[in-house]
Amino acid sequence: MSSSDNNSDTRNTFESSPEEGLTDTQAASVVRDIAEVPAIEVITTAAVHLMSAAAVKCGLAAGPDAEALKDLDEARKLITALAGFVTAAAPEIGSQHAGPLRDGLRSLQLAFREASEFPDAPGKGPGEKFTGAVN
C-alpha cells in the first residue's frame, strides 16, 4: 500500500459514495444520529467491541470452531488496547460504568493467562502495565 493510497481525498470522510448507496439526505441523517449518541454510550460500545473481539481471540467463542478462531497474539493486542482505553476513560465515565468494564477486562486477562501455554509472569500479561498484576 503506497502512501498515496493512504492519503486519498475520499478517505475518512462522511461524504456518501455511489457504492455505499446513501443519498446526501441519508448521509446527513446518519451524521445527525451519531451526533445524538452520548459520549458514554460511544465509549462503552467501543469497549464492548474490543471485549468481544478479545474473547473470540482467546478461544471463548461459542461453537465448535472456537479453538480454530483462537489467536493469542491478536488477543494480547486487543486486551492491552482495552486496558488502556478503560483506564483512560474511567475518570470520564464514572465508576458505575467503568466497574463492569474493568470486570470484563479482568476476566479476559485471566482467560488469556489460562489459554496461554506459557503464562506471562504476574504484571507482564496483556494490559497489566495499565491495570497492575491480575490474580
Protein backbone atom coordinates (compact mmCIF):
# COMPACT_ATOMS: atom_id res chain seq x y z
CA MET A 1 0.00 0.00 0.00
CA SER A 2 1.58 3.27 -1.06
CA SER A 3 1.34 6.50 0.87
CA SER A 4 -0.76 7.94 -1.93
CA ASP A 5 -3.32 5.20 -1.21
CA ASN A 6 -3.39 6.23 2.45
CA ASN A 7 -3.83 9.90 1.67
CA SER A 8 -6.66 9.77 -0.82
CA ASP A 9 -9.12 12.66 -0.87
CA THR A 10 -12.12 10.47 -0.04
CA ARG A 11 -10.66 8.56 2.90
CA ASN A 12 -12.24 9.18 6.32
CA THR A 13 -14.98 11.47 5.09
CA PHE A 14 -18.69 11.45 5.72
CA GLU A 15 -19.48 12.00 2.07
CA SER A 16 -21.59 9.28 0.54
CA SER A 17 -20.18 7.32 -2.34
CA PRO A 18 -22.13 5.58 -5.09
CA GLU A 19 -21.04 2.15 -3.86
CA GLU A 20 -22.45 2.82 -0.39
CA GLY A 21 -25.84 3.65 -1.85
CA LEU A 22 -26.53 6.56 0.51
CA THR A 23 -28.13 9.73 -0.72
CA ASP A 24 -26.92 13.05 0.65
CA THR A 25 -30.05 13.20 2.80
CA GLN A 26 -29.42 9.71 4.20
CA ALA A 27 -25.78 10.52 4.93
CA ALA A 28 -26.80 13.71 6.75
CA SER A 29 -29.29 11.67 8.78
CA VAL A 30 -26.55 9.21 9.78
CA VAL A 31 -24.33 12.07 10.95
CA ARG A 32 -27.23 13.56 12.94
CA ASP A 33 -27.89 10.15 14.52
CA ILE A 34 -24.25 9.86 15.59
CA ALA A 35 -24.34 13.39 17.00
CA GLU A 36 -27.27 12.43 19.23
CA VAL A 37 -25.45 9.48 20.86
CA PRO A 38 -23.99 10.40 24.26
CA ALA A 39 -20.23 10.02 24.63
CA ILE A 40 -20.67 7.45 27.40
CA GLU A 41 -22.57 5.20 25.01
CA VAL A 42 -19.90 5.52 22.31
CA ILE A 43 -17.18 4.72 24.88
CA THR A 44 -18.95 1.68 26.33
CA THR A 45 -19.87 0.38 22.88
CA ALA A 46 -16.25 0.63 21.73
CA ALA A 47 -15.12 -1.19 24.88
CA VAL A 48 -17.66 -3.96 24.34
CA HIS A 49 -16.47 -4.42 20.75
CA LEU A 50 -12.87 -4.74 21.98
CA MET A 51 -14.01 -7.22 24.65
CA SER A 52 -15.95 -9.32 22.17
CA ALA A 53 -13.07 -9.49 19.73
CA ALA A 54 -10.61 -10.35 22.52
CA ALA A 55 -12.91 -13.10 23.82
CA VAL A 56 -13.04 -14.73 20.39
CA LYS A 57 -9.27 -14.46 20.04
CA CYS A 58 -8.85 -16.07 23.50
CA GLY A 59 -10.84 -19.07 22.24
CA LEU A 60 -14.02 -18.20 24.13
CA ALA A 61 -16.31 -18.10 21.09
CA ALA A 62 -19.41 -20.26 21.16
CA GLY A 63 -19.43 -23.13 18.74
CA PRO A 64 -17.25 -25.97 17.59
CA ASP A 65 -14.72 -23.73 15.81
CA ALA A 66 -13.76 -21.71 18.93
CA GLU A 67 -10.32 -23.29 19.10
CA ALA A 68 -9.69 -22.59 15.41
CA LEU A 69 -10.53 -18.92 15.97
CA LYS A 70 -8.10 -18.61 18.88
CA ASP A 71 -5.17 -16.26 18.22
CA LEU A 72 -3.39 -15.25 21.41
CA ASP A 73 -1.11 -12.74 19.67
CA GLU A 74 -4.17 -10.85 18.47
CA ALA A 75 -5.88 -11.30 21.85
CA ARG A 76 -2.88 -9.73 23.60
CA LYS A 77 -3.13 -6.63 21.40
CA LEU A 78 -6.87 -6.29 21.93
CA ILE A 79 -6.67 -6.77 25.70
CA THR A 80 -3.84 -4.26 26.01
CA ALA A 81 -5.79 -1.73 23.92
CA LEU A 82 -8.89 -2.36 26.04
CA ALA A 83 -6.90 -1.89 29.27
CA GLY A 84 -5.52 1.44 28.10
CA PHE A 85 -8.92 2.54 26.85
CA VAL A 86 -10.77 1.62 30.05
CA THR A 87 -8.05 3.14 32.25
CA ALA A 88 -8.16 6.41 30.30
CA ALA A 89 -11.96 6.52 30.10
CA ALA A 90 -12.71 5.60 33.73
CA PRO A 91 -12.44 9.13 35.18
CA GLU A 92 -14.73 10.44 32.43
CA ILE A 93 -17.41 7.77 32.60
CA GLY A 94 -17.54 7.22 36.36
CA SER A 95 -17.33 4.09 38.44
CA GLN A 96 -20.86 2.90 37.65
CA HIS A 97 -19.83 2.41 34.01
CA ALA A 98 -16.12 1.74 34.48
CA GLY A 99 -16.66 -1.01 37.07
CA PRO A 100 -18.33 -3.51 34.72
CA LEU A 101 -15.78 -2.71 32.01
CA ARG A 102 -12.94 -3.38 34.45
CA ASP A 103 -14.59 -6.65 35.48
CA GLY A 104 -14.84 -7.75 31.85
CA LEU A 105 -11.24 -6.72 31.25
CA ARG A 106 -10.05 -8.70 34.28
CA SER A 107 -11.98 -11.78 33.07
CA LEU A 108 -10.29 -11.52 29.69
CA GLN A 109 -6.87 -11.13 31.28
CA LEU A 110 -7.47 -14.28 33.33
CA ALA A 111 -8.83 -16.16 30.30
CA PHE A 112 -5.73 -15.16 28.34
CA ARG A 113 -3.48 -16.46 31.11
CA GLU A 114 -5.43 -19.73 31.22
CA ALA A 115 -5.30 -20.15 27.43
CA SER A 116 -1.55 -19.49 27.28
CA GLU A 117 0.73 -22.49 27.06
CA PHE A 118 3.39 -20.48 28.89
CA PRO A 119 1.61 -17.85 31.02
CA ASP A 120 3.24 -14.45 31.48
CA ALA A 121 4.78 -13.54 34.80
CA PRO A 122 2.45 -11.56 37.09
CA GLY A 123 2.39 -7.94 35.95
CA LYS A 124 3.62 -8.83 32.44
CA GLY A 125 0.35 -10.06 30.92
CA PRO A 126 -1.71 -8.16 28.38
CA GLY A 127 -2.83 -4.79 29.70
CA GLU A 128 -1.19 -5.27 33.08
CA LYS A 129 1.02 -2.23 32.53
CA PHE A 130 -2.25 -0.25 32.80
CA THR A 131 -4.11 -2.33 35.39
CA GLY A 132 -1.40 -3.83 37.54
CA ALA A 133 -0.97 -7.56 38.08
CA VAL A 134 -4.12 -9.65 37.77
CA ASN A 135 -4.59 -12.69 40.02
